[in-house]
């Protein structure tokens, strides 16, 4: 599994819940959400493109920060 870090424009618990929902639907991922710093660390075998595509379903601004 590879670890990847993303910056996501999250402002509240609702944003946290939306990110959690889309990642749980993808399956095969373990993740930690750091709401105060607006970061998500994902441990997954999915490609970065698949993870970006999934996170963009939240309709939030998503930036790939690199491997973690």
PDB file of N, CA and C in Angstrom:
ATOM      1  N   UNK A   1       0.835  -1.189   0.000  1.00  0.00           N
ATOM      2  CA  UNK A   1       0.000   0.000   0.000  1.00  0.00           C
ATOM      3  C   UNK A   1       0.879   1.251   0.000  1.00  0.00           C
ATOM      4  N   UNK A   2       0.407   2.276  -0.670  1.00  0.00           N
ATOM      5  CA  UNK A   2       1.126   3.545  -0.729  1.00  0.00           C
ATOM      6  C   UNK A   2       0.384   4.592   0.090  1.00  0.00           C
ATOM      7  N   UNK A   3       1.151   5.485   0.697  1.00  0.00           N
ATOM      8  CA  UNK A   3       0.551   6.570   1.469  1.00  0.00           C
ATOM      9  C   UNK A   3       0.657   7.863   0.683  1.00  0.00           C
ATOM     10  N   UNK A   4      -0.451   8.581   0.620  1.00  0.00           N
ATOM     11  CA  UNK A   4      -0.507   9.836  -0.115  1.00  0.00           C
ATOM     12  C   UNK A   4      -1.176  10.896   0.747  1.00  0.00           C
ATOM     13  N   UNK A   5      -0.716  12.135   0.596  1.00  0.00           N
ATOM     14  CA  UNK A   5      -1.286  13.237   1.364  1.00  0.00           C
ATOM     15  C   UNK A   5      -1.940  14.246   0.423  1.00  0.00           C
ATOM     16  N   UNK A   6      -3.121  14.693   0.820  1.00  0.00           N
ATOM     17  CA  UNK A   6      -3.896  15.644   0.039  1.00  0.00           C
ATOM     18  C   UNK A   6      -4.314  16.813   0.916  1.00  0.00           C
ATOM     19  N   UNK A   7      -4.404  17.981   0.309  1.00  0.00           N
ATOM     20  CA  UNK A   7      -4.976  19.154   0.957  1.00  0.00           C
ATOM     21  C   UNK A   7      -6.399  19.293   0.409  1.00  0.00           C
ATOM     22  N   UNK A   8      -7.369  19.416   1.321  1.00  0.00           N
ATOM     23  CA  UNK A   8      -8.766  19.555   0.914  1.00  0.00           C
ATOM     24  C   UNK A   8      -9.366  20.735   1.657  1.00  0.00           C
ATOM     25  N   UNK A   9     -10.097  21.567   0.945  1.00  0.00           N
ATOM     26  CA  UNK A   9     -10.698  22.763   1.530  1.00  0.00           C
ATOM     27  C   UNK A   9     -11.885  22.367   2.411  1.00  0.00           C
ATOM     28  N   UNK A  10     -11.577  21.964   3.656  1.00  0.00           N
ATOM     29  CA  UNK A  10     -12.611  21.565   4.623  1.00  0.00           C
ATOM     30  C   UNK A  10     -12.735  22.642   5.692  1.00  0.00           C
ATOM     31  N   UNK A  11     -13.968  22.971   6.038  1.00  0.00           N
ATOM     32  CA  UNK A  11     -14.168  24.035   7.021  1.00  0.00           C
ATOM     33  C   UNK A  11     -14.920  23.581   8.270  1.00  0.00           C
ATOM     34  N   UNK A  12     -15.590  22.429   8.197  1.00  0.00           N
ATOM     35  CA  UNK A  12     -16.441  22.046   9.318  1.00  0.00           C
ATOM     36  C   UNK A  12     -16.596  20.521   9.395  1.00  0.00           C
ATOM     37  N   UNK A  13     -17.348  20.082  10.382  1.00  0.00           N
ATOM     38  CA  UNK A  13     -17.611  18.658  10.579  1.00  0.00           C
ATOM     39  C   UNK A  13     -18.361  18.064   9.392  1.00  0.00           C
ATOM     40  N   UNK A  14     -19.199  18.861   8.755  1.00  0.00           N
ATOM     41  CA  UNK A  14     -19.936  18.399   7.569  1.00  0.00           C
ATOM     42  C   UNK A  14     -18.973  18.056   6.434  1.00  0.00           C
ATOM     43  N   UNK A  15     -17.957  18.886   6.248  1.00  0.00           N
ATOM     44  CA  UNK A  15     -16.933  18.626   5.229  1.00  0.00           C
ATOM     45  C   UNK A  15     -16.201  17.328   5.552  1.00  0.00           C
ATOM     46  N   UNK A  16     -15.863  17.166   6.821  1.00  0.00           N
ATOM     47  CA  UNK A  16     -15.187  15.948   7.300  1.00  0.00           C
ATOM     48  C   UNK A  16     -16.029  14.721   6.953  1.00  0.00           C
ATOM     49  N   UNK A  17     -17.321  14.806   7.202  1.00  0.00           N
ATOM     50  CA  UNK A  17     -18.226  13.679   6.937  1.00  0.00           C
ATOM     51  C   UNK A  17     -18.325  13.362   5.447  1.00  0.00           C
ATOM     52  N   UNK A  18     -18.342  14.377   4.607  1.00  0.00           N
ATOM     53  CA  UNK A  18     -18.427  14.155   3.151  1.00  0.00           C
ATOM     54  C   UNK A  18     -17.167  13.447   2.658  1.00  0.00           C
ATOM     55  N   UNK A  19     -16.003  13.878   3.123  1.00  0.00           N
ATOM     56  CA  UNK A  19     -14.746  13.240   2.724  1.00  0.00           C
ATOM     57  C   UNK A  19     -14.735  11.784   3.198  1.00  0.00           C
ATOM     58  N   UNK A  20     -15.172  11.551   4.419  1.00  0.00           N
ATOM     59  CA  UNK A  20     -15.245  10.190   4.959  1.00  0.00           C
ATOM     60  C   UNK A  20     -16.159   9.315   4.105  1.00  0.00           C
ATOM     61  N   UNK A  21     -17.308   9.837   3.715  1.00  0.00           N
ATOM     62  CA  UNK A  21     -18.263   9.064   2.907  1.00  0.00           C
ATOM     63  C   UNK A  21     -17.690   8.655   1.559  1.00  0.00           C
ATOM     64  N   UNK A  22     -17.074   9.596   0.840  1.00  0.00           N
ATOM     65  CA  UNK A  22     -16.564   9.252  -0.500  1.00  0.00           C
ATOM     66  C   UNK A  22     -15.410   8.258  -0.416  1.00  0.00           C
ATOM     67  N   UNK A  23     -14.569   8.383   0.606  1.00  0.00           N
ATOM     68  CA  UNK A  23     -13.460   7.443   0.743  1.00  0.00           C
ATOM     69  C   UNK A  23     -13.951   6.054   1.158  1.00  0.00           C
ATOM     70  N   UNK A  24     -14.955   5.997   2.013  1.00  0.00           N
ATOM     71  CA  UNK A  24     -15.519   4.704   2.409  1.00  0.00           C
ATOM     72  C   UNK A  24     -16.198   4.011   1.232  1.00  0.00           C
ATOM     73  N   UNK A  25     -16.826   4.768   0.346  1.00  0.00           N
ATOM     74  CA  UNK A  25     -17.461   4.190  -0.845  1.00  0.00           C
ATOM     75  C   UNK A  25     -16.424   3.614  -1.796  1.00  0.00           C
ATOM     76  N   UNK A  26     -15.246   4.237  -1.867  1.00  0.00           N
ATOM     77  CA  UNK A  26     -14.179   3.751  -2.737  1.00  0.00           C
ATOM     78  C   UNK A  26     -13.700   2.381  -2.265  1.00  0.00           C
ATOM     79  N   UNK A  27     -13.558   2.219  -0.969  1.00  0.00           N
ATOM     80  CA  UNK A  27     -13.121   0.940  -0.411  1.00  0.00           C
ATOM     81  C   UNK A  27     -11.635   0.713  -0.609  1.00  0.00           C
ATOM     82  N   UNK A  28     -11.079  -0.180   0.207  1.00  0.00           N
ATOM     83  CA  UNK A  28      -9.668  -0.518   0.103  1.00  0.00           C
ATOM     84  C   UNK A  28      -8.732   0.604   0.504  1.00  0.00           C
ATOM     85  N   UNK A  29      -9.220   1.504   1.346  1.00  0.00           N
ATOM     86  CA  UNK A  29      -8.388   2.618   1.796  1.00  0.00           C
ATOM     87  C   UNK A  29      -8.435   2.740   3.315  1.00  0.00           C
ATOM     88  N   UNK A  30      -7.339   3.181   3.866  1.00  0.00           N
ATOM     89  CA  UNK A  30      -7.291   3.592   5.266  1.00  0.00           C
ATOM     90  C   UNK A  30      -6.882   5.051   5.224  1.00  0.00           C
ATOM     91  N   UNK A  31      -7.502   5.861   6.059  1.00  0.00           N
ATOM     92  CA  UNK A  31      -7.202   7.291   5.978  1.00  0.00           C
ATOM     93  C   UNK A  31      -7.332   7.974   7.320  1.00  0.00           C
ATOM     94  N   UNK A  32      -6.627   9.096   7.430  1.00  0.00           N
ATOM     95  CA  UNK A  32      -6.721   9.969   8.600  1.00  0.00           C
ATOM     96  C   UNK A  32      -7.018  11.364   8.093  1.00  0.00           C
ATOM     97  N   UNK A  33      -8.022  11.991   8.683  1.00  0.00           N
ATOM     98  CA  UNK A  33      -8.396  13.346   8.294  1.00  0.00           C
ATOM     99  C   UNK A  33      -7.961  14.310   9.391  1.00  0.00           C
ATOM    100  N   UNK A  34      -7.195  15.320   8.996  1.00  0.00           N
ATOM    101  CA  UNK A  34      -6.746  16.371   9.909  1.00  0.00           C
ATOM    102  C   UNK A  34      -7.530  17.633   9.544  1.00  0.00           C
ATOM    103  N   UNK A  35      -8.691  17.789  10.164  1.00  0.00           N
ATOM    104  CA  UNK A  35      -9.595  18.896   9.826  1.00  0.00           C
ATOM    105  C   UNK A  35      -8.962  20.271  10.072  1.00  0.00           C
ATOM    106  N   UNK A  36      -8.316  20.521  11.230  1.00  0.00           N
ATOM    107  CA  UNK A  36      -7.740  21.854  11.453  1.00  0.00           C
ATOM    108  C   UNK A  36      -6.710  22.262  10.396  1.00  0.00           C
ATOM    109  N   UNK A  37      -5.932  21.294   9.899  1.00  0.00           N
ATOM    110  CA  UNK A  37      -4.897  21.595   8.893  1.00  0.00           C
ATOM    111  C   UNK A  37      -5.369  21.319   7.472  1.00  0.00           C
ATOM    112  N   UNK A  38      -6.622  20.877   7.331  1.00  0.00           N
ATOM    113  CA  UNK A  38      -7.241  20.625   6.025  1.00  0.00           C
ATOM    114  C   UNK A  38      -6.446  19.623   5.191  1.00  0.00           C
ATOM    115  N   UNK A  39      -6.021  18.531   5.848  1.00  0.00           N
ATOM    116  CA  UNK A  39      -5.238  17.506   5.156  1.00  0.00           C
ATOM    117  C   UNK A  39      -5.846  16.127   5.358  1.00  0.00           C
ATOM    118  N   UNK A  40      -5.625  15.274   4.363  1.00  0.00           N
ATOM    119  CA  UNK A  40      -6.055  13.878   4.443  1.00  0.00           C
ATOM    120  C   UNK A  40      -4.870  13.017   4.032  1.00  0.00           C
ATOM    121  N   UNK A  41      -4.531  12.050   4.881  1.00  0.00           N
ATOM    122  CA  UNK A  41      -3.481  11.087   4.570  1.00  0.00           C
ATOM    123  C   UNK A  41      -4.170   9.760   4.258  1.00  0.00           C
ATOM    124  N   UNK A  42      -3.919   9.228   3.070  1.00  0.00           N
ATOM    125  CA  UNK A  42      -4.601   8.021   2.611  1.00  0.00           C
ATOM    126  C   UNK A  42      -3.588   6.914   2.350  1.00  0.00           C
ATOM    127  N   UNK A  43      -3.862   5.746   2.905  1.00  0.00           N
ATOM    128  CA  UNK A  43      -3.061   4.547   2.690  1.00  0.00           C
ATOM    129  C   UNK A  43      -3.881   3.647   1.773  1.00  0.00           C
ATOM    130  N   UNK A  44      -3.427   3.472   0.532  1.00  0.00           N
ATOM    131  CA  UNK A  44      -4.250   2.785  -0.459  1.00  0.00           C
ATOM    132  C   UNK A  44      -3.411   2.183  -1.578  1.00  0.00           C
ATOM    133  N   UNK A  45      -3.979   1.197  -2.247  1.00  0.00           N
ATOM    134  CA  UNK A  45      -3.345   0.633  -3.434  1.00  0.00           C
ATOM    135  C   UNK A  45      -3.904   1.278  -4.701  1.00  0.00           C
ATOM    136  N   UNK A  46      -4.893   2.159  -4.544  1.00  0.00           N
ATOM    137  CA  UNK A  46      -5.453   2.877  -5.690  1.00  0.00           C
ATOM    138  C   UNK A  46      -4.437   3.888  -6.210  1.00  0.00           C
ATOM    139  N   UNK A  47      -4.548   4.247  -7.487  1.00  0.00           N
ATOM    140  CA  UNK A  47      -3.651   5.251  -8.065  1.00  0.00           C
ATOM    141  C   UNK A  47      -3.990   6.640  -7.516  1.00  0.00           C
ATOM    142  N   UNK A  48      -3.035   7.531  -7.648  1.00  0.00           N
ATOM    143  CA  UNK A  48      -3.250   8.920  -7.224  1.00  0.00           C
ATOM    144  C   UNK A  48      -4.415   9.516  -8.005  1.00  0.00           C
ATOM    145  N   UNK A  49      -4.495   9.221  -9.299  1.00  0.00           N
ATOM    146  CA  UNK A  49      -5.585   9.753 -10.116  1.00  0.00           C
ATOM    147  C   UNK A  49      -6.945   9.279  -9.611  1.00  0.00           C
ATOM    148  N   UNK A  50      -7.044   8.014  -9.225  1.00  0.00           N
ATOM    149  CA  UNK A  50      -8.307   7.482  -8.690  1.00  0.00           C
ATOM    150  C   UNK A  50      -8.654   8.181  -7.383  1.00  0.00           C
ATOM    151  N   UNK A  51      -7.656   8.383  -6.533  1.00  0.00           N
ATOM    152  CA  UNK A  51      -7.901   9.062  -5.259  1.00  0.00           C
ATOM    153  C   UNK A  51      -8.326  10.512  -5.487  1.00  0.00           C
ATOM    154  N   UNK A  52      -7.654  11.201  -6.413  1.00  0.00           N
ATOM    155  CA  UNK A  52      -8.036  12.587  -6.731  1.00  0.00           C
ATOM    156  C   UNK A  52      -9.457  12.656  -7.266  1.00  0.00           C
ATOM    157  N   UNK A  53      -9.772  11.761  -8.190  1.00  0.00           N
ATOM    158  CA  UNK A  53     -11.113  11.719  -8.781  1.00  0.00           C
ATOM    159  C   UNK A  53     -12.168  11.496  -7.694  1.00  0.00           C
ATOM    160  N   UNK A  54     -11.880  10.596  -6.780  1.00  0.00           N
ATOM    161  CA  UNK A  54     -12.806  10.291  -5.683  1.00  0.00           C
ATOM    162  C   UNK A  54     -12.975  11.500  -4.767  1.00  0.00           C
ATOM    163  N   UNK A  55     -11.866  12.125  -4.380  1.00  0.00           N
ATOM    164  CA  UNK A  55     -11.938  13.273  -3.476  1.00  0.00           C
ATOM    165  C   UNK A  55     -12.628  14.467  -4.128  1.00  0.00           C
ATOM    166  N   UNK A  56     -12.522  14.599  -5.435  1.00  0.00           N
ATOM    167  CA  UNK A  56     -13.180  15.719  -6.127  1.00  0.00           C
ATOM    168  C   UNK A  56     -14.694  15.568  -6.130  1.00  0.00           C
ATOM    169  N   UNK A  57     -15.192  14.376  -5.849  1.00  0.00           N
ATOM    170  CA  UNK A  57     -16.646  14.163  -5.735  1.00  0.00           C
ATOM    171  C   UNK A  57     -17.219  14.945  -4.558  1.00  0.00           C
ATOM    172  N   UNK A  58     -16.360  15.392  -3.649  1.00  0.00           N
ATOM    173  CA  UNK A  58     -16.811  16.195  -2.502  1.00  0.00           C
ATOM    174  C   UNK A  58     -17.142  17.626  -2.921  1.00  0.00           C
ATOM    175  N   UNK A  59     -16.732  17.991  -4.141  1.00  0.00           N
ATOM    176  CA  UNK A  59     -16.889  19.360  -4.660  1.00  0.00           C
ATOM    177  C   UNK A  59     -16.080  20.376  -3.861  1.00  0.00           C
ATOM    178  N   UNK A  60     -15.021  19.887  -3.245  1.00  0.00           N
ATOM    179  CA  UNK A  60     -14.083  20.743  -2.517  1.00  0.00           C
ATOM    180  C   UNK A  60     -12.815  20.876  -3.360  1.00  0.00           C
ATOM    181  N   UNK A  61     -12.047  21.923  -3.106  1.00  0.00           N
ATOM    182  CA  UNK A  61     -10.771  22.074  -3.777  1.00  0.00           C
ATOM    183  C   UNK A  61      -9.808  21.034  -3.204  1.00  0.00           C
ATOM    184  N   UNK A  62      -9.197  20.231  -4.083  1.00  0.00           N
ATOM    185  CA  UNK A  62      -8.297  19.148  -3.668  1.00  0.00           C
ATOM    186  C   UNK A  62      -6.937  19.346  -4.330  1.00  0.00           C
ATOM    187  N   UNK A  63      -5.877  19.261  -3.544  1.00  0.00           N
ATOM    188  CA  UNK A  63      -4.520  19.363  -4.061  1.00  0.00           C
ATOM    189  C   UNK A  63      -3.721  18.163  -3.555  1.00  0.00           C
ATOM    190  N   UNK A  64      -3.038  17.492  -4.483  1.00  0.00           N
ATOM    191  CA  UNK A  64      -2.178  16.373  -4.096  1.00  0.00           C
ATOM    192  C   UNK A  64      -0.866  16.936  -3.587  1.00  0.00           C
ATOM    193  N   UNK A  65      -0.503  16.610  -2.343  1.00  0.00           N
ATOM    194  CA  UNK A  65       0.716  17.129  -1.733  1.00  0.00           C
ATOM    195  C   UNK A  65       1.902  16.203  -1.937  1.00  0.00           C
ATOM    196  N   UNK A  66       1.642  14.943  -2.266  1.00  0.00           N
ATOM    197  CA  UNK A  66       2.726  14.005  -2.525  1.00  0.00           C
ATOM    198  C   UNK A  66       2.654  12.779  -1.643  1.00  0.00           C
ATOM    199  N   UNK A  67       3.608  11.872  -1.837  1.00  0.00           N
ATOM    200  CA  UNK A  67       3.633  10.663  -1.010  1.00  0.00           C
ATOM    201  C   UNK A  67       3.979  11.029   0.430  1.00  0.00           C
ATOM    202  N   UNK A  68       3.470  10.236   1.326  1.00  0.00           N
ATOM    203  CA  UNK A  68       3.701  10.505   2.752  1.00  0.00           C
ATOM    204  C   UNK A  68       4.413   9.326   3.371  1.00  0.00           C
TER     205      UNK A  68
END
